[in-house]
Structure formats: structure tokens, C-alpha cells
């Protein structure tokens, strides 16, 4: 019989140990997606595809704003001298 010392993998995938770091990573990822969409939009000859890219850029910018507000709320809610927990 195998005795597990850690939770099963699916359970670990839903656990966020460092929320601020995850939000920073998400902001970085969204910035990269936005830059990629700008590059694609600038190099396409298809007008419909161009406008789809611009819609994507707008959606990514809105998502970045939400993540930024979440980070600000977390900083306000959590004392700066205590480490983040779940």
C-alpha cells in the first residue's frame, strides 16, 4: 500500500500558495499576449483578422486592469510585513 505524504496532483493544481506571485505572473503573461497580438495585427493583410486582433488586445488590456486591481486589493487587505497564504 502506498502512503501519500502530499495531496494528490489534481488537488495540488487547485491550490494557490503565493497569490501575489501568481498575479504578477498573470500580468506578465497578459502583457506578452498583448504584444504578440500587436505584432500579428501589424503584419496582417486581412482586415477582418486585423480587427479581431484589436478586439483581443482590448480584452487583454481589460484583463490586465482586473489583475492589477486584484493586486492592489490584496496589498491593501494583507499587511505588507506578513507573507501571503492561500
N, C-alpha and C. Protein backbone atom coordinates (compact mmCIF):
# COMPACT_ATOMS: atom_id res chain seq x y z
N UNK A 1 0.84 -1.18 0.00
CA UNK A 1 0.00 0.00 0.00
C UNK A 1 0.89 1.25 0.00
N UNK A 2 0.54 2.23 -0.84
CA UNK A 2 1.29 3.48 -0.95
C UNK A 2 0.66 4.52 -0.04
N UNK A 3 1.48 5.11 0.81
CA UNK A 3 1.00 6.18 1.70
C UNK A 3 1.50 7.50 1.12
N UNK A 4 0.57 8.37 0.80
CA UNK A 4 0.93 9.67 0.20
C UNK A 4 1.21 10.70 1.29
N UNK A 5 2.31 11.41 1.13
CA UNK A 5 2.62 12.48 2.06
C UNK A 5 2.13 13.82 1.55
N UNK A 6 1.88 13.91 0.27
CA UNK A 6 1.36 15.13 -0.33
C UNK A 6 -0.02 14.85 -0.89
N UNK A 7 -0.83 15.90 -1.06
CA UNK A 7 -2.14 15.68 -1.66
C UNK A 7 -2.00 15.18 -3.10
N UNK A 8 -3.02 14.51 -3.60
CA UNK A 8 -2.98 14.06 -5.00
C UNK A 8 -2.77 15.25 -5.94
N UNK A 9 -2.18 14.97 -7.09
CA UNK A 9 -1.84 16.04 -8.04
C UNK A 9 -3.02 16.94 -8.41
N UNK A 10 -4.20 16.39 -8.73
CA UNK A 10 -5.31 17.29 -9.07
C UNK A 10 -5.63 18.29 -7.96
N UNK A 11 -5.53 17.84 -6.73
CA UNK A 11 -5.80 18.73 -5.61
C UNK A 11 -4.73 19.83 -5.52
N UNK A 12 -3.49 19.47 -5.78
CA UNK A 12 -2.41 20.46 -5.73
C UNK A 12 -2.55 21.50 -6.82
N UNK A 13 -3.13 21.12 -7.97
CA UNK A 13 -3.29 22.06 -9.08
C UNK A 13 -4.25 23.19 -8.74
N UNK A 14 -5.15 22.97 -7.80
CA UNK A 14 -6.13 23.99 -7.44
C UNK A 14 -5.69 24.83 -6.26
N UNK A 15 -4.57 24.50 -5.67
CA UNK A 15 -4.09 25.23 -4.50
C UNK A 15 -3.13 26.33 -4.95
N UNK A 16 -3.39 27.54 -4.51
CA UNK A 16 -2.51 28.67 -4.84
C UNK A 16 -1.80 29.06 -3.55
N UNK A 17 -0.50 28.84 -3.53
CA UNK A 17 0.27 29.11 -2.31
C UNK A 17 0.75 30.55 -2.23
N UNK A 18 1.04 31.15 -3.36
CA UNK A 18 1.58 32.51 -3.37
C UNK A 18 0.76 33.36 -4.34
N UNK A 19 -0.35 33.86 -3.85
CA UNK A 19 -1.28 34.61 -4.70
C UNK A 19 -0.61 35.82 -5.35
N UNK A 20 0.14 36.65 -4.61
CA UNK A 20 0.78 37.79 -5.26
C UNK A 20 1.69 37.40 -6.42
N UNK A 21 2.45 36.34 -6.26
CA UNK A 21 3.35 35.89 -7.33
C UNK A 21 2.55 35.40 -8.54
N UNK A 22 1.45 34.73 -8.30
CA UNK A 22 0.61 34.26 -9.40
C UNK A 22 0.03 35.44 -10.17
N UNK A 23 -0.41 36.46 -9.45
CA UNK A 23 -0.98 37.64 -10.11
C UNK A 23 0.08 38.39 -10.91
N UNK A 24 1.29 38.48 -10.39
CA UNK A 24 2.39 39.11 -11.14
C UNK A 24 2.67 38.31 -12.41
N UNK A 25 2.72 37.00 -12.27
CA UNK A 25 2.96 36.15 -13.44
C UNK A 25 1.86 36.29 -14.47
N UNK A 26 0.62 36.39 -14.01
CA UNK A 26 -0.51 36.56 -14.92
C UNK A 26 -0.42 37.90 -15.65
N UNK A 27 -0.02 38.95 -14.92
CA UNK A 27 0.15 40.26 -15.56
C UNK A 27 1.23 40.21 -16.64
N UNK A 28 2.31 39.52 -16.35
CA UNK A 28 3.40 39.40 -17.33
C UNK A 28 2.91 38.62 -18.55
N UNK A 29 2.22 37.53 -18.32
CA UNK A 29 1.70 36.72 -19.43
C UNK A 29 0.74 37.53 -20.29
N UNK A 30 -0.15 38.29 -19.66
CA UNK A 30 -1.09 39.11 -20.42
C UNK A 30 -0.37 40.18 -21.22
N UNK A 31 0.68 40.75 -20.67
CA UNK A 31 1.47 41.74 -21.41
C UNK A 31 2.10 41.12 -22.66
N UNK A 32 2.61 39.90 -22.50
CA UNK A 32 3.22 39.22 -23.65
C UNK A 32 2.18 38.89 -24.72
N UNK A 33 0.99 38.49 -24.29
CA UNK A 33 -0.08 38.20 -25.24
C UNK A 33 -0.46 39.46 -26.00
N UNK A 34 -0.56 40.57 -25.28
CA UNK A 34 -0.90 41.84 -25.91
C UNK A 34 0.14 42.23 -26.97
N UNK A 35 1.41 42.10 -26.61
CA UNK A 35 2.48 42.43 -27.56
C UNK A 35 2.44 41.51 -28.78
N UNK A 36 2.16 40.25 -28.56
CA UNK A 36 2.07 39.31 -29.69
C UNK A 36 0.93 39.70 -30.61
N UNK A 37 -0.20 40.07 -30.04
CA UNK A 37 -1.35 40.47 -30.86
C UNK A 37 -1.05 41.75 -31.64
N UNK A 38 -0.33 42.67 -31.04
CA UNK A 38 0.06 43.89 -31.75
C UNK A 38 0.94 43.53 -32.94
N UNK A 39 1.90 42.64 -32.73
CA UNK A 39 2.77 42.22 -33.82
C UNK A 39 2.02 41.53 -34.94
N UNK A 40 1.07 40.68 -34.57
CA UNK A 40 0.28 39.99 -35.59
C UNK A 40 -0.58 40.98 -36.36
N UNK A 41 -1.24 41.89 -35.63
CA UNK A 41 -2.11 42.88 -36.28
C UNK A 41 -1.32 43.76 -37.24
N UNK A 42 -0.10 44.11 -36.85
CA UNK A 42 0.71 44.99 -37.68
C UNK A 42 1.20 44.31 -38.96
N UNK A 43 1.20 42.99 -38.96
CA UNK A 43 1.75 42.27 -40.10
C UNK A 43 0.72 41.49 -40.91
N UNK A 44 -0.55 41.75 -40.70
CA UNK A 44 -1.56 41.02 -41.46
C UNK A 44 -2.12 41.90 -42.58
N UNK A 45 -2.47 41.25 -43.66
CA UNK A 45 -3.12 41.95 -44.77
C UNK A 45 -4.63 41.77 -44.75
N UNK A 46 -5.10 40.90 -43.88
CA UNK A 46 -6.53 40.59 -43.78
C UNK A 46 -7.18 41.56 -42.80
N UNK A 47 -8.04 42.43 -43.31
CA UNK A 47 -8.66 43.46 -42.46
C UNK A 47 -9.51 42.85 -41.35
N UNK A 48 -10.22 41.78 -41.65
CA UNK A 48 -11.03 41.13 -40.62
C UNK A 48 -10.18 40.57 -39.49
N UNK A 49 -9.06 39.96 -39.87
CA UNK A 49 -8.14 39.42 -38.87
C UNK A 49 -7.52 40.55 -38.04
N UNK A 50 -7.21 41.65 -38.69
CA UNK A 50 -6.67 42.82 -38.00
C UNK A 50 -7.61 43.27 -36.90
N UNK A 51 -8.91 43.39 -37.23
CA UNK A 51 -9.88 43.86 -36.24
C UNK A 51 -10.08 42.84 -35.13
N UNK A 52 -9.98 41.57 -35.44
CA UNK A 52 -10.05 40.53 -34.40
C UNK A 52 -8.87 40.67 -33.44
N UNK A 53 -7.70 40.97 -33.97
CA UNK A 53 -6.53 41.19 -33.12
C UNK A 53 -6.75 42.39 -32.20
N UNK A 54 -7.31 43.47 -32.75
CA UNK A 54 -7.55 44.65 -31.93
C UNK A 54 -8.57 44.36 -30.83
N UNK A 55 -9.59 43.56 -31.15
CA UNK A 55 -10.55 43.17 -30.12
C UNK A 55 -9.85 42.34 -29.03
N UNK A 56 -8.95 41.48 -29.45
CA UNK A 56 -8.18 40.68 -28.50
C UNK A 56 -7.30 41.55 -27.62
N UNK A 57 -6.68 42.55 -28.21
CA UNK A 57 -5.83 43.48 -27.45
C UNK A 57 -6.68 44.21 -26.40
N UNK A 58 -7.86 44.67 -26.79
CA UNK A 58 -8.75 45.33 -25.84
C UNK A 58 -9.13 44.39 -24.70
N UNK A 59 -9.45 43.14 -25.02
CA UNK A 59 -9.83 42.17 -23.99
C UNK A 59 -8.67 41.89 -23.04
N UNK A 60 -7.47 41.77 -23.59
CA UNK A 60 -6.29 41.53 -22.76
C UNK A 60 -6.02 42.73 -21.86
N UNK A 61 -6.17 43.93 -22.39
CA UNK A 61 -5.96 45.13 -21.57
C UNK A 61 -6.96 45.20 -20.43
N UNK A 62 -8.20 44.84 -20.70
CA UNK A 62 -9.21 44.81 -19.63
C UNK A 62 -8.84 43.77 -18.58
N UNK A 63 -8.37 42.61 -19.01
CA UNK A 63 -7.97 41.57 -18.07
C UNK A 63 -6.78 42.03 -17.24
N UNK A 64 -5.82 42.72 -17.86
CA UNK A 64 -4.67 43.24 -17.10
C UNK A 64 -5.13 44.26 -16.07
N UNK A 65 -6.10 45.08 -16.41
CA UNK A 65 -6.63 46.04 -15.45
C UNK A 65 -7.25 45.33 -14.25
N UNK A 66 -7.99 44.26 -14.51
CA UNK A 66 -8.61 43.49 -13.43
C UNK A 66 -7.54 42.87 -12.54
N UNK A 67 -6.52 42.29 -13.14
CA UNK A 67 -5.44 41.68 -12.36
C UNK A 67 -4.72 42.74 -11.54
N UNK A 68 -4.50 43.91 -12.12
CA UNK A 68 -3.84 44.99 -11.40
C UNK A 68 -4.67 45.42 -10.19
N UNK A 69 -5.98 45.54 -10.37
CA UNK A 69 -6.86 45.90 -9.25
C UNK A 69 -6.86 44.81 -8.18
N UNK A 70 -6.79 43.57 -8.61
CA UNK A 70 -6.72 42.46 -7.64
C UNK A 70 -5.44 42.55 -6.81
N UNK A 71 -4.33 42.87 -7.47
CA UNK A 71 -3.06 43.02 -6.75
C UNK A 71 -3.14 44.17 -5.76
N UNK A 72 -3.72 45.28 -6.17
CA UNK A 72 -3.86 46.42 -5.27
C UNK A 72 -4.74 46.08 -4.08
N UNK A 73 -5.85 45.39 -4.34
CA UNK A 73 -6.74 44.99 -3.25
C UNK A 73 -6.04 44.05 -2.29
N UNK A 74 -5.27 43.14 -2.82
CA UNK A 74 -4.54 42.19 -1.98
C UNK A 74 -3.52 42.91 -1.11
N UNK A 75 -2.83 43.90 -1.68
CA UNK A 75 -1.85 44.65 -0.90
C UNK A 75 -2.52 45.46 0.20
N UNK A 76 -3.69 46.00 -0.09
CA UNK A 76 -4.43 46.77 0.90
C UNK A 76 -4.94 45.86 2.00
N UNK A 77 -5.42 44.69 1.61
CA UNK A 77 -6.01 43.76 2.54
C UNK A 77 -4.98 43.07 3.43
N UNK A 78 -3.83 42.77 2.86
CA UNK A 78 -2.81 42.00 3.55
C UNK A 78 -1.70 42.92 4.05
N UNK A 79 -1.36 42.85 5.34
CA UNK A 79 -0.24 43.66 5.83
C UNK A 79 1.03 43.33 5.05
N UNK A 80 1.82 44.34 4.74
CA UNK A 80 3.00 44.14 3.89
C UNK A 80 4.09 43.34 4.57
N UNK A 81 4.07 43.24 5.89
CA UNK A 81 5.14 42.53 6.57
C UNK A 81 4.83 41.05 6.81
N UNK A 82 3.67 40.57 6.35
CA UNK A 82 3.33 39.16 6.53
C UNK A 82 3.32 38.47 5.19
N UNK A 83 3.83 37.24 5.12
CA UNK A 83 3.83 36.50 3.86
C UNK A 83 2.40 36.13 3.46
N UNK A 84 2.21 35.98 2.18
CA UNK A 84 0.89 35.60 1.65
C UNK A 84 0.62 34.14 1.95
N UNK A 85 -0.63 33.84 2.22
CA UNK A 85 -1.08 32.46 2.38
C UNK A 85 -2.23 32.25 1.45
N UNK A 86 -2.71 31.00 1.33
CA UNK A 86 -3.76 30.63 0.38
C UNK A 86 -4.62 31.82 0.14
